[in-house]
Amino acid sequence: MDRNVIEDNESVQAQAKLWNLTVGYLKSMSLKCALDLGIAEAIDNHGEAMSLSQLQSTLSIPTTKKPHLYRLLRILTHVGFLVEQGTGVGTEAINDLTPIDVFKGVHSLVDVGGGTGALSKGITENFPHVECTVLDLPQVIHRAERDELQWQKLFSDAGFSSYQIILAMGIESVIEIYP
């Protein structure tokens, strides 16, 4: 096999991993939104599959936010939390949404990178039989900001020799670290 092909393949795989890390939070955040909005409960209370317009009218969300529900449902469907049934000519883009019992048979789960535990709290409220554990850095869980000494220790422990913190407009800061 050509060396360039191998390097290209490795590059593509590395890029795919980076994209998964970059947007991986969308799965958990979409589930959190679904729990907060009560999407599964609305479908369950309806007793059968629901169309997008039926779901929009059932949920208590502002009219200006209703168009965004479509995007959320697409993510939930893509991830596998919902199943799309029967689309065809003249039907809505998302038609007949049915919840999947994703926690069937699950007794415990670990929410890695779970922040303050809001998602885990929602899961345990809706599925009391599931024991949730939140795993994250103490600063994240306690919403504590790092001071410069903590950043310095973090970079040093990771093997970097120096760093520079640049305050930037629009974001809190940019941190450059050097080997």
N, C-alpha and C. Protein backbone atom coordinates (compact mmCIF):
# COMPACT_ATOMS: atom_id res chain seq x y z
N MET A 1 0.86 -1.18 0.00
CA MET A 1 0.00 0.00 0.00
C MET A 1 0.90 1.24 0.00
N ASP A 2 0.52 2.23 -0.75
CA ASP A 2 1.27 3.48 -0.86
C ASP A 2 1.31 4.21 0.48
N ARG A 3 2.49 4.72 0.84
CA ARG A 3 2.65 5.41 2.13
C ARG A 3 1.75 6.64 2.24
N ASN A 4 1.57 7.37 1.12
CA ASN A 4 0.70 8.55 1.13
C ASN A 4 -0.74 8.18 1.44
N VAL A 5 -1.18 7.02 0.93
CA VAL A 5 -2.55 6.57 1.19
C VAL A 5 -2.72 6.26 2.68
N ILE A 6 -1.70 5.62 3.27
CA ILE A 6 -1.76 5.30 4.69
C ILE A 6 -1.82 6.58 5.52
N GLU A 7 -0.95 7.55 5.18
CA GLU A 7 -0.95 8.81 5.92
C GLU A 7 -2.26 9.55 5.75
N ASP A 8 -2.83 9.52 4.52
CA ASP A 8 -4.12 10.17 4.29
C ASP A 8 -5.21 9.50 5.12
N ASN A 9 -5.20 8.17 5.17
CA ASN A 9 -6.19 7.43 5.94
C ASN A 9 -6.06 7.77 7.43
N GLU A 10 -4.84 7.82 7.93
CA GLU A 10 -4.62 8.18 9.33
C GLU A 10 -5.09 9.61 9.60
N SER A 11 -4.84 10.49 8.64
CA SER A 11 -5.27 11.88 8.77
C SER A 11 -6.79 11.98 8.82
N VAL A 12 -7.46 11.23 7.97
CA VAL A 12 -8.92 11.23 7.95
C VAL A 12 -9.47 10.67 9.27
N GLN A 13 -8.86 9.59 9.76
CA GLN A 13 -9.30 9.01 11.03
C GLN A 13 -9.08 9.98 12.19
N ALA A 14 -7.94 10.66 12.18
CA ALA A 14 -7.66 11.64 13.23
C ALA A 14 -8.65 12.80 13.17
N GLN A 15 -8.95 13.24 11.95
CA GLN A 15 -9.90 14.34 11.79
C GLN A 15 -11.30 13.91 12.26
N ALA A 16 -11.68 12.68 11.95
CA ALA A 16 -12.99 12.17 12.40
C ALA A 16 -13.05 12.13 13.92
N LYS A 17 -11.97 11.69 14.56
CA LYS A 17 -11.94 11.67 16.03
C LYS A 17 -12.07 13.08 16.60
N LEU A 18 -11.37 14.03 15.97
CA LEU A 18 -11.46 15.42 16.44
C LEU A 18 -12.88 15.95 16.30
N TRP A 19 -13.53 15.65 15.17
CA TRP A 19 -14.91 16.11 14.98
C TRP A 19 -15.82 15.48 16.02
N ASN A 20 -15.63 14.19 16.30
CA ASN A 20 -16.45 13.52 17.32
C ASN A 20 -16.26 14.15 18.69
N LEU A 21 -15.02 14.50 19.01
CA LEU A 21 -14.77 15.17 20.29
C LEU A 21 -15.37 16.57 20.31
N THR A 22 -15.30 17.25 19.18
CA THR A 22 -15.79 18.63 19.10
C THR A 22 -17.30 18.71 19.25
N VAL A 23 -18.02 17.84 18.58
CA VAL A 23 -19.49 17.92 18.59
C VAL A 23 -20.14 16.78 19.38
N GLY A 24 -19.34 16.01 20.08
CA GLY A 24 -19.86 14.88 20.84
C GLY A 24 -20.85 15.28 21.93
N TYR A 25 -20.73 16.49 22.42
CA TYR A 25 -21.63 16.96 23.47
C TYR A 25 -23.06 17.10 22.97
N LEU A 26 -23.26 17.17 21.65
CA LEU A 26 -24.61 17.36 21.10
C LEU A 26 -25.56 16.23 21.50
N LYS A 27 -25.04 15.02 21.60
CA LYS A 27 -25.88 13.89 21.98
C LYS A 27 -26.46 14.09 23.38
N SER A 28 -25.57 14.37 24.34
CA SER A 28 -26.05 14.52 25.71
C SER A 28 -26.89 15.78 25.88
N MET A 29 -26.53 16.86 25.19
CA MET A 29 -27.32 18.09 25.30
C MET A 29 -28.69 17.94 24.65
N SER A 30 -28.76 17.19 23.54
CA SER A 30 -30.07 16.98 22.91
C SER A 30 -30.96 16.14 23.82
N LEU A 31 -30.37 15.15 24.50
CA LEU A 31 -31.15 14.35 25.44
C LEU A 31 -31.61 15.20 26.61
N LYS A 32 -30.73 16.07 27.10
CA LYS A 32 -31.11 16.98 28.19
C LYS A 32 -32.26 17.88 27.76
N CYS A 33 -32.19 18.44 26.55
CA CYS A 33 -33.28 19.29 26.05
C CYS A 33 -34.58 18.50 25.96
N ALA A 34 -34.49 17.26 25.46
CA ALA A 34 -35.69 16.43 25.34
C ALA A 34 -36.30 16.17 26.71
N LEU A 35 -35.45 15.89 27.70
CA LEU A 35 -35.95 15.67 29.06
C LEU A 35 -36.56 16.93 29.63
N ASP A 36 -35.87 18.07 29.45
CA ASP A 36 -36.39 19.34 29.97
C ASP A 36 -37.71 19.73 29.33
N LEU A 37 -37.85 19.47 28.03
CA LEU A 37 -39.08 19.84 27.32
C LEU A 37 -40.21 18.83 27.55
N GLY A 38 -39.87 17.64 27.99
CA GLY A 38 -40.89 16.62 28.21
C GLY A 38 -41.36 15.95 26.93
N ILE A 39 -40.45 15.80 25.97
CA ILE A 39 -40.81 15.23 24.67
C ILE A 39 -41.28 13.78 24.81
N ALA A 40 -40.52 12.96 25.53
CA ALA A 40 -40.90 11.54 25.67
C ALA A 40 -42.23 11.41 26.40
N GLU A 41 -42.44 12.23 27.43
CA GLU A 41 -43.71 12.18 28.17
C GLU A 41 -44.88 12.58 27.27
N ALA A 42 -44.66 13.60 26.44
CA ALA A 42 -45.73 14.06 25.54
C ALA A 42 -46.12 12.96 24.57
N ILE A 43 -45.12 12.28 24.02
CA ILE A 43 -45.41 11.19 23.08
C ILE A 43 -46.08 10.03 23.81
N ASP A 44 -45.57 9.71 25.00
CA ASP A 44 -46.15 8.62 25.79
C ASP A 44 -47.59 8.93 26.18
N ASN A 45 -47.86 10.15 26.62
CA ASN A 45 -49.22 10.55 27.00
C ASN A 45 -50.17 10.54 25.81
N HIS A 46 -49.62 10.81 24.63
CA HIS A 46 -50.44 10.80 23.41
C HIS A 46 -50.89 9.37 23.08
N GLY A 47 -50.10 8.39 23.51
CA GLY A 47 -50.49 7.00 23.34
C GLY A 47 -50.07 6.38 22.02
N GLU A 48 -49.61 7.17 21.09
CA GLU A 48 -49.15 6.65 19.81
C GLU A 48 -48.17 7.66 19.22
N ALA A 49 -47.66 7.33 18.06
CA ALA A 49 -46.71 8.23 17.40
C ALA A 49 -47.36 9.59 17.14
N MET A 50 -46.52 10.63 17.13
CA MET A 50 -47.01 12.00 16.93
C MET A 50 -46.30 12.65 15.75
N SER A 51 -47.01 13.53 15.08
CA SER A 51 -46.38 14.32 14.03
C SER A 51 -45.69 15.52 14.68
N LEU A 52 -44.86 16.19 13.92
CA LEU A 52 -44.16 17.36 14.43
C LEU A 52 -45.14 18.44 14.88
N SER A 53 -46.17 18.70 14.09
CA SER A 53 -47.13 19.75 14.46
C SER A 53 -47.90 19.38 15.73
N GLN A 54 -48.23 18.10 15.90
CA GLN A 54 -48.90 17.66 17.13
C GLN A 54 -48.00 17.88 18.34
N LEU A 55 -46.73 17.53 18.18
CA LEU A 55 -45.78 17.69 19.27
C LEU A 55 -45.57 19.17 19.60
N GLN A 56 -45.46 20.00 18.57
CA GLN A 56 -45.30 21.45 18.78
C GLN A 56 -46.47 22.02 19.57
N SER A 57 -47.68 21.58 19.25
CA SER A 57 -48.85 22.13 19.95
C SER A 57 -48.97 21.58 21.37
N THR A 58 -48.40 20.41 21.63
CA THR A 58 -48.47 19.81 22.96
C THR A 58 -47.47 20.42 23.93
N LEU A 59 -46.27 20.72 23.44
CA LEU A 59 -45.22 21.23 24.32
C LEU A 59 -45.43 22.71 24.63
N SER A 60 -45.09 23.09 25.83
CA SER A 60 -45.23 24.50 26.20
C SER A 60 -43.91 25.22 25.95
N ILE A 61 -43.68 25.53 24.68
CA ILE A 61 -42.50 26.29 24.30
C ILE A 61 -42.95 27.54 23.55
N PRO A 62 -42.17 28.62 23.64
CA PRO A 62 -42.55 29.85 22.95
C PRO A 62 -42.70 29.63 21.44
N THR A 63 -43.62 30.34 20.84
CA THR A 63 -43.87 30.21 19.40
C THR A 63 -42.61 30.46 18.59
N THR A 64 -41.79 31.40 19.03
CA THR A 64 -40.57 31.71 18.29
C THR A 64 -39.56 30.57 18.32
N LYS A 65 -39.67 29.67 19.28
CA LYS A 65 -38.74 28.55 19.41
C LYS A 65 -39.23 27.28 18.71
N LYS A 66 -40.50 27.25 18.32
CA LYS A 66 -41.07 26.03 17.74
C LYS A 66 -40.35 25.57 16.47
N PRO A 67 -39.88 26.48 15.59
CA PRO A 67 -39.15 26.00 14.41
C PRO A 67 -37.86 25.25 14.77
N HIS A 68 -37.27 25.54 15.92
CA HIS A 68 -36.03 24.87 16.32
C HIS A 68 -36.29 23.45 16.81
N LEU A 69 -37.52 23.13 17.13
CA LEU A 69 -37.86 21.79 17.59
C LEU A 69 -37.55 20.75 16.51
N TYR A 70 -37.75 21.13 15.25
CA TYR A 70 -37.45 20.23 14.14
C TYR A 70 -35.98 19.79 14.19
N ARG A 71 -35.08 20.74 14.40
CA ARG A 71 -33.65 20.42 14.44
C ARG A 71 -33.32 19.50 15.62
N LEU A 72 -33.91 19.79 16.76
CA LEU A 72 -33.69 18.95 17.93
C LEU A 72 -34.17 17.52 17.67
N LEU A 73 -35.33 17.39 17.06
CA LEU A 73 -35.87 16.06 16.76
C LEU A 73 -35.01 15.32 15.75
N ARG A 74 -34.41 16.04 14.81
CA ARG A 74 -33.51 15.40 13.84
C ARG A 74 -32.30 14.82 14.56
N ILE A 75 -31.74 15.58 15.50
CA ILE A 75 -30.59 15.09 16.27
C ILE A 75 -31.00 13.87 17.09
N LEU A 76 -32.13 13.97 17.78
CA LEU A 76 -32.61 12.85 18.60
C LEU A 76 -32.86 11.60 17.77
N THR A 77 -33.33 11.79 16.55
CA THR A 77 -33.57 10.67 15.65
C THR A 77 -32.25 10.09 15.17
N HIS A 78 -31.33 10.96 14.78
CA HIS A 78 -30.02 10.51 14.28
C HIS A 78 -29.25 9.73 15.35
N VAL A 79 -29.30 10.20 16.58
CA VAL A 79 -28.59 9.56 17.68
C VAL A 79 -29.25 8.24 18.06
N GLY A 80 -30.56 8.13 17.83
CA GLY A 80 -31.26 6.89 18.13
C GLY A 80 -32.20 6.97 19.31
N PHE A 81 -32.44 8.17 19.85
CA PHE A 81 -33.38 8.33 20.95
C PHE A 81 -34.82 8.30 20.46
N LEU A 82 -35.05 8.66 19.20
CA LEU A 82 -36.38 8.60 18.59
C LEU A 82 -36.29 7.83 17.29
N VAL A 83 -37.41 7.32 16.84
CA VAL A 83 -37.49 6.62 15.56
C VAL A 83 -38.46 7.36 14.68
N GLU A 84 -38.05 7.61 13.44
CA GLU A 84 -38.92 8.27 12.47
C GLU A 84 -39.73 7.20 11.74
N GLN A 85 -41.03 7.43 11.65
CA GLN A 85 -41.90 6.47 10.97
C GLN A 85 -42.63 7.15 9.84
N GLY A 86 -42.69 6.50 8.70
CA GLY A 86 -43.54 6.89 7.57
C GLY A 86 -43.45 8.31 7.08
N THR A 87 -42.43 8.61 6.29
CA THR A 87 -42.43 9.90 5.60
C THR A 87 -42.77 9.62 4.15
N GLY A 88 -43.46 10.53 3.55
CA GLY A 88 -43.84 10.35 2.15
C GLY A 88 -44.28 11.66 1.56
N VAL A 89 -44.77 11.62 0.34
CA VAL A 89 -45.22 12.82 -0.34
C VAL A 89 -46.39 13.43 0.41
N GLY A 90 -46.30 14.71 0.69
CA GLY A 90 -47.39 15.41 1.35
C GLY A 90 -47.40 15.27 2.86
N THR A 91 -46.42 14.58 3.42
CA THR A 91 -46.36 14.47 4.88
C THR A 91 -45.32 15.42 5.42
N GLU A 92 -45.33 15.62 6.72
CA GLU A 92 -44.37 16.51 7.33
C GLU A 92 -42.97 15.90 7.27
N ALA A 93 -41.98 16.76 7.41
CA ALA A 93 -40.59 16.31 7.34
C ALA A 93 -40.29 15.26 8.41
N ILE A 94 -40.77 15.48 9.59
CA ILE A 94 -40.67 14.46 10.64
C ILE A 94 -42.10 14.05 10.95
N ASN A 95 -42.38 12.79 10.76
CA ASN A 95 -43.74 12.32 10.93
C ASN A 95 -43.72 11.10 11.83
N ASP A 96 -44.64 11.03 12.75
CA ASP A 96 -44.80 9.85 13.59
C ASP A 96 -43.55 9.53 14.41
N LEU A 97 -43.27 10.34 15.40
CA LEU A 97 -42.12 10.10 16.27
C LEU A 97 -42.52 9.17 17.40
N THR A 98 -41.70 8.18 17.64
CA THR A 98 -41.96 7.21 18.69
C THR A 98 -40.73 7.13 19.59
N PRO A 99 -40.90 7.24 20.91
CA PRO A 99 -39.73 7.17 21.79
C PRO A 99 -39.18 5.75 21.87
N ILE A 100 -37.87 5.67 21.99
CA ILE A 100 -37.20 4.39 22.21
C ILE A 100 -36.88 4.31 23.70
N ASP A 101 -37.14 3.19 24.31
CA ASP A 101 -36.83 3.04 25.73
C ASP A 101 -35.34 2.74 25.87
N VAL A 102 -34.52 3.80 25.81
CA VAL A 102 -33.07 3.64 25.81
C VAL A 102 -32.53 3.16 27.15
N PHE A 103 -33.30 3.29 28.20
CA PHE A 103 -32.82 2.90 29.52
C PHE A 103 -33.36 1.54 29.96
N LYS A 104 -33.99 0.81 29.05
CA LYS A 104 -34.50 -0.52 29.38
C LYS A 104 -33.31 -1.44 29.68
N GLY A 105 -33.32 -2.03 30.83
CA GLY A 105 -32.25 -2.94 31.23
C GLY A 105 -31.02 -2.24 31.79
N VAL A 106 -31.00 -0.92 31.79
CA VAL A 106 -29.87 -0.17 32.34
C VAL A 106 -30.12 0.06 33.83
N HIS A 107 -29.15 -0.31 34.65
CA HIS A 107 -29.29 -0.13 36.09
C HIS A 107 -28.39 0.99 36.61
N SER A 108 -27.28 1.23 35.90
CA SER A 108 -26.39 2.31 36.30
C SER A 108 -25.70 2.86 35.07
N LEU A 109 -25.32 4.14 35.16
CA LEU A 109 -24.56 4.75 34.08
C LEU A 109 -23.64 5.80 34.65
N VAL A 110 -22.55 6.06 33.92
CA VAL A 110 -21.59 7.08 34.31
C VAL A 110 -21.65 8.17 33.26
N ASP A 111 -21.94 9.38 33.70
CA ASP A 111 -22.00 10.55 32.82
C ASP A 111 -20.62 11.19 32.83
N VAL A 112 -19.76 10.78 31.88
CA VAL A 112 -18.39 11.30 31.81
C VAL A 112 -18.44 12.69 31.21
N GLY A 113 -17.82 13.64 31.88
CA GLY A 113 -17.87 15.03 31.43
C GLY A 113 -19.23 15.62 31.70
N GLY A 114 -19.88 15.17 32.75
CA GLY A 114 -21.27 15.54 33.04
C GLY A 114 -21.48 16.90 33.66
N GLY A 115 -20.41 17.66 33.86
CA GLY A 115 -20.56 19.02 34.39
C GLY A 115 -21.23 19.04 35.75
N THR A 116 -22.30 19.78 35.84
CA THR A 116 -23.00 19.94 37.13
C THR A 116 -23.98 18.81 37.41
N GLY A 117 -24.13 17.88 36.50
CA GLY A 117 -25.00 16.73 36.74
C GLY A 117 -26.45 16.94 36.37
N ALA A 118 -26.76 18.00 35.62
CA ALA A 118 -28.16 18.29 35.26
C ALA A 118 -28.77 17.16 34.45
N LEU A 119 -28.02 16.60 33.50
CA LEU A 119 -28.55 15.52 32.68
C LEU A 119 -28.80 14.28 33.54
N SER A 120 -27.85 13.94 34.39
CA SER A 120 -28.02 12.77 35.27
C SER A 120 -29.20 12.95 36.19
N LYS A 121 -29.39 14.16 36.69
CA LYS A 121 -30.54 14.43 37.56
C LYS A 121 -31.85 14.19 36.81
N GLY A 122 -31.91 14.67 35.56
CA GLY A 122 -33.11 14.45 34.74
C GLY A 122 -33.36 12.98 34.47
N ILE A 123 -32.28 12.23 34.25
CA ILE A 123 -32.43 10.79 33.99
C ILE A 123 -32.96 10.09 35.24
N THR A 124 -32.39 10.39 36.41
CA THR A 124 -32.84 9.70 37.63
C THR A 124 -34.25 10.10 38.03
N GLU A 125 -34.66 11.34 37.70
CA GLU A 125 -36.04 11.75 38.00
C GLU A 125 -37.04 10.98 37.13
N ASN A 126 -36.66 10.74 35.87
CA ASN A 126 -37.56 10.06 34.95
C ASN A 126 -37.40 8.54 34.96
N PHE A 127 -36.24 8.06 35.39
CA PHE A 127 -35.97 6.63 35.46
C PHE A 127 -35.34 6.33 36.82
N PRO A 128 -36.16 6.25 37.88
CA PRO A 128 -35.63 6.10 39.24
C PRO A 128 -34.80 4.83 39.45
N HIS A 129 -34.98 3.83 38.60
CA HIS A 129 -34.22 2.60 38.76
C HIS A 129 -32.77 2.72 38.27
N VAL A 130 -32.44 3.82 37.57
CA VAL A 130 -31.09 4.01 37.03
C VAL A 130 -30.26 4.82 38.03
N GLU A 131 -29.14 4.24 38.44
CA GLU A 131 -28.22 4.94 39.33
C GLU A 131 -27.18 5.67 38.48
N CYS A 132 -27.13 6.99 38.60
CA CYS A 132 -26.22 7.81 37.78
C CYS A 132 -25.04 8.29 38.61
N THR A 133 -23.87 8.27 37.99
CA THR A 133 -22.65 8.82 38.58
C THR A 133 -22.10 9.87 37.63
N VAL A 134 -21.80 11.06 38.15
CA VAL A 134 -21.23 12.13 37.33
C VAL A 134 -19.73 12.12 37.53
N LEU A 135 -18.99 12.08 36.42
CA LEU A 135 -17.54 12.08 36.47
C LEU A 135 -17.04 13.30 35.71
N ASP A 136 -16.46 14.24 36.43
CA ASP A 136 -15.90 15.43 35.81
C ASP A 136 -14.86 16.02 36.75
N LEU A 137 -14.16 17.02 36.29
CA LEU A 137 -13.17 17.69 37.12
C LEU A 137 -13.86 18.45 38.24
N PRO A 138 -13.25 18.52 39.42
CA PRO A 138 -13.88 19.23 40.54
C PRO A 138 -14.23 20.68 40.21
N GLN A 139 -13.36 21.37 39.46
CA GLN A 139 -13.65 22.77 39.12
C GLN A 139 -14.91 22.90 38.29
N VAL A 140 -15.15 21.92 37.43
CA VAL A 140 -16.34 21.97 36.58
C VAL A 140 -17.58 21.70 37.41
N ILE A 141 -17.51 20.67 38.24
CA ILE A 141 -18.66 20.30 39.06
C ILE A 141 -19.05 21.43 40.00
N HIS A 142 -18.06 22.08 40.57
CA HIS A 142 -18.33 23.16 41.52
C HIS A 142 -18.36 24.53 40.86
N ARG A 143 -18.29 24.54 39.53
CA ARG A 143 -18.30 25.78 38.74
C ARG A 143 -17.21 26.75 39.20
N ALA A 144 -16.11 26.20 39.67
CA ALA A 144 -15.01 27.05 40.12
C ALA A 144 -14.11 27.38 38.93
N GLU A 145 -13.69 28.62 38.88
CA GLU A 145 -12.75 29.01 37.84
C GLU A 145 -11.34 28.70 38.32
N ARG A 146 -10.47 28.36 37.38
CA ARG A 146 -9.08 28.13 37.73
C ARG A 146 -8.36 29.47 37.81
N ASP A 147 -7.45 29.57 38.80
CA ASP A 147 -6.60 30.75 38.81
C ASP A 147 -5.32 30.41 38.05
N GLU A 148 -4.45 31.41 37.87
CA GLU A 148 -3.27 31.19 37.04
C GLU A 148 -2.34 30.11 37.61
N LEU A 149 -2.25 30.00 38.93
CA LEU A 149 -1.41 28.95 39.53
C LEU A 149 -1.93 27.56 39.19
N GLN A 150 -3.26 27.39 39.18
CA GLN A 150 -3.84 26.10 38.82
C GLN A 150 -3.56 25.77 37.35
N TRP A 151 -3.68 26.79 36.48
CA TRP A 151 -3.35 26.57 35.06
C TRP A 151 -1.88 26.20 34.91
N GLN A 152 -1.00 26.91 35.62
CA GLN A 152 0.43 26.64 35.54
C GLN A 152 0.73 25.20 35.96
N LYS A 153 0.12 24.73 37.05
CA LYS A 153 0.32 23.36 37.51
C LYS A 153 -0.21 22.36 36.48
N LEU A 154 -1.39 22.65 35.92
CA LEU A 154 -1.98 21.77 34.92
C LEU A 154 -1.06 21.62 33.71
N PHE A 155 -0.52 22.74 33.20
CA PHE A 155 0.36 22.70 32.03
C PHE A 155 1.67 22.00 32.36
N SER A 156 2.22 22.27 33.54
CA SER A 156 3.47 21.65 33.97
C SER A 156 3.29 20.14 34.10
N ASP A 157 2.20 19.71 34.73
CA ASP A 157 1.92 18.28 34.89
C ASP A 157 1.74 17.58 33.54
N ALA A 158 1.26 18.33 32.55
CA ALA A 158 1.05 17.76 31.22
C ALA A 158 2.34 17.76 30.39
N GLY A 159 3.43 18.33 30.94
CA GLY A 159 4.71 18.28 30.24
C GLY A 159 5.06 19.51 29.42
N PHE A 160 4.32 20.59 29.58
CA PHE A 160 4.62 21.81 28.83
C PHE A 160 5.53 22.70 29.67
N SER A 161 6.46 23.39 28.98
CA SER A 161 7.45 24.20 29.71
C SER A 161 6.99 25.62 29.98
N SER A 162 6.17 26.17 29.09
CA SER A 162 5.71 27.55 29.31
C SER A 162 4.34 27.76 28.67
N TYR A 163 3.75 28.88 29.00
CA TYR A 163 2.43 29.20 28.49
C TYR A 163 2.27 30.71 28.42
N GLN A 164 1.25 31.14 27.69
CA GLN A 164 0.90 32.56 27.64
C GLN A 164 -0.62 32.66 27.59
N ILE A 165 -1.18 33.46 28.48
CA ILE A 165 -2.63 33.68 28.49
C ILE A 165 -2.89 35.03 27.85
N ILE A 166 -3.69 35.02 26.78
CA ILE A 166 -4.00 36.24 26.04
C ILE A 166 -5.48 36.53 26.21
N LEU A 167 -5.80 37.68 26.78
CA LEU A 167 -7.20 38.08 26.90
C LEU A 167 -7.68 38.52 25.52
N ALA A 168 -8.82 38.02 25.09
CA ALA A 168 -9.32 38.31 23.75
C ALA A 168 -10.74 38.85 23.84
N MET A 169 -11.10 39.67 22.88
CA MET A 169 -12.44 40.24 22.82
C MET A 169 -13.42 39.15 22.39
N GLY A 170 -14.53 39.03 23.07
CA GLY A 170 -15.57 38.09 22.67
C GLY A 170 -15.46 36.74 23.33
N ILE A 171 -14.27 36.36 23.76
CA ILE A 171 -14.10 35.12 24.52
C ILE A 171 -13.26 35.46 25.73
N GLU A 172 -13.27 34.60 26.72
CA GLU A 172 -12.59 34.94 27.97
C GLU A 172 -11.09 35.05 27.80
N SER A 173 -10.46 34.05 27.14
CA SER A 173 -9.02 34.12 26.92
C SER A 173 -8.60 33.05 25.93
N VAL A 174 -7.41 33.25 25.40
CA VAL A 174 -6.76 32.25 24.56
C VAL A 174 -5.50 31.86 25.30
N ILE A 175 -5.28 30.56 25.44
CA ILE A 175 -4.11 30.09 26.16
C ILE A 175 -3.20 29.38 25.17
N GLU A 176 -1.97 29.89 25.05
CA GLU A 176 -0.97 29.24 24.21
C GLU A 176 -0.02 28.49 25.13
N ILE A 177 0.23 27.21 24.82
CA ILE A 177 1.15 26.43 25.63
C ILE A 177 2.28 25.95 24.73
N TYR A 178 3.49 25.85 25.30
CA TYR A 178 4.68 25.53 24.53
C TYR A 178 5.39 24.34 25.15
N PRO A 179 5.95 23.47 24.28
CA PRO A 179 6.67 22.29 24.79
C PRO A 179 7.94 22.66 25.54
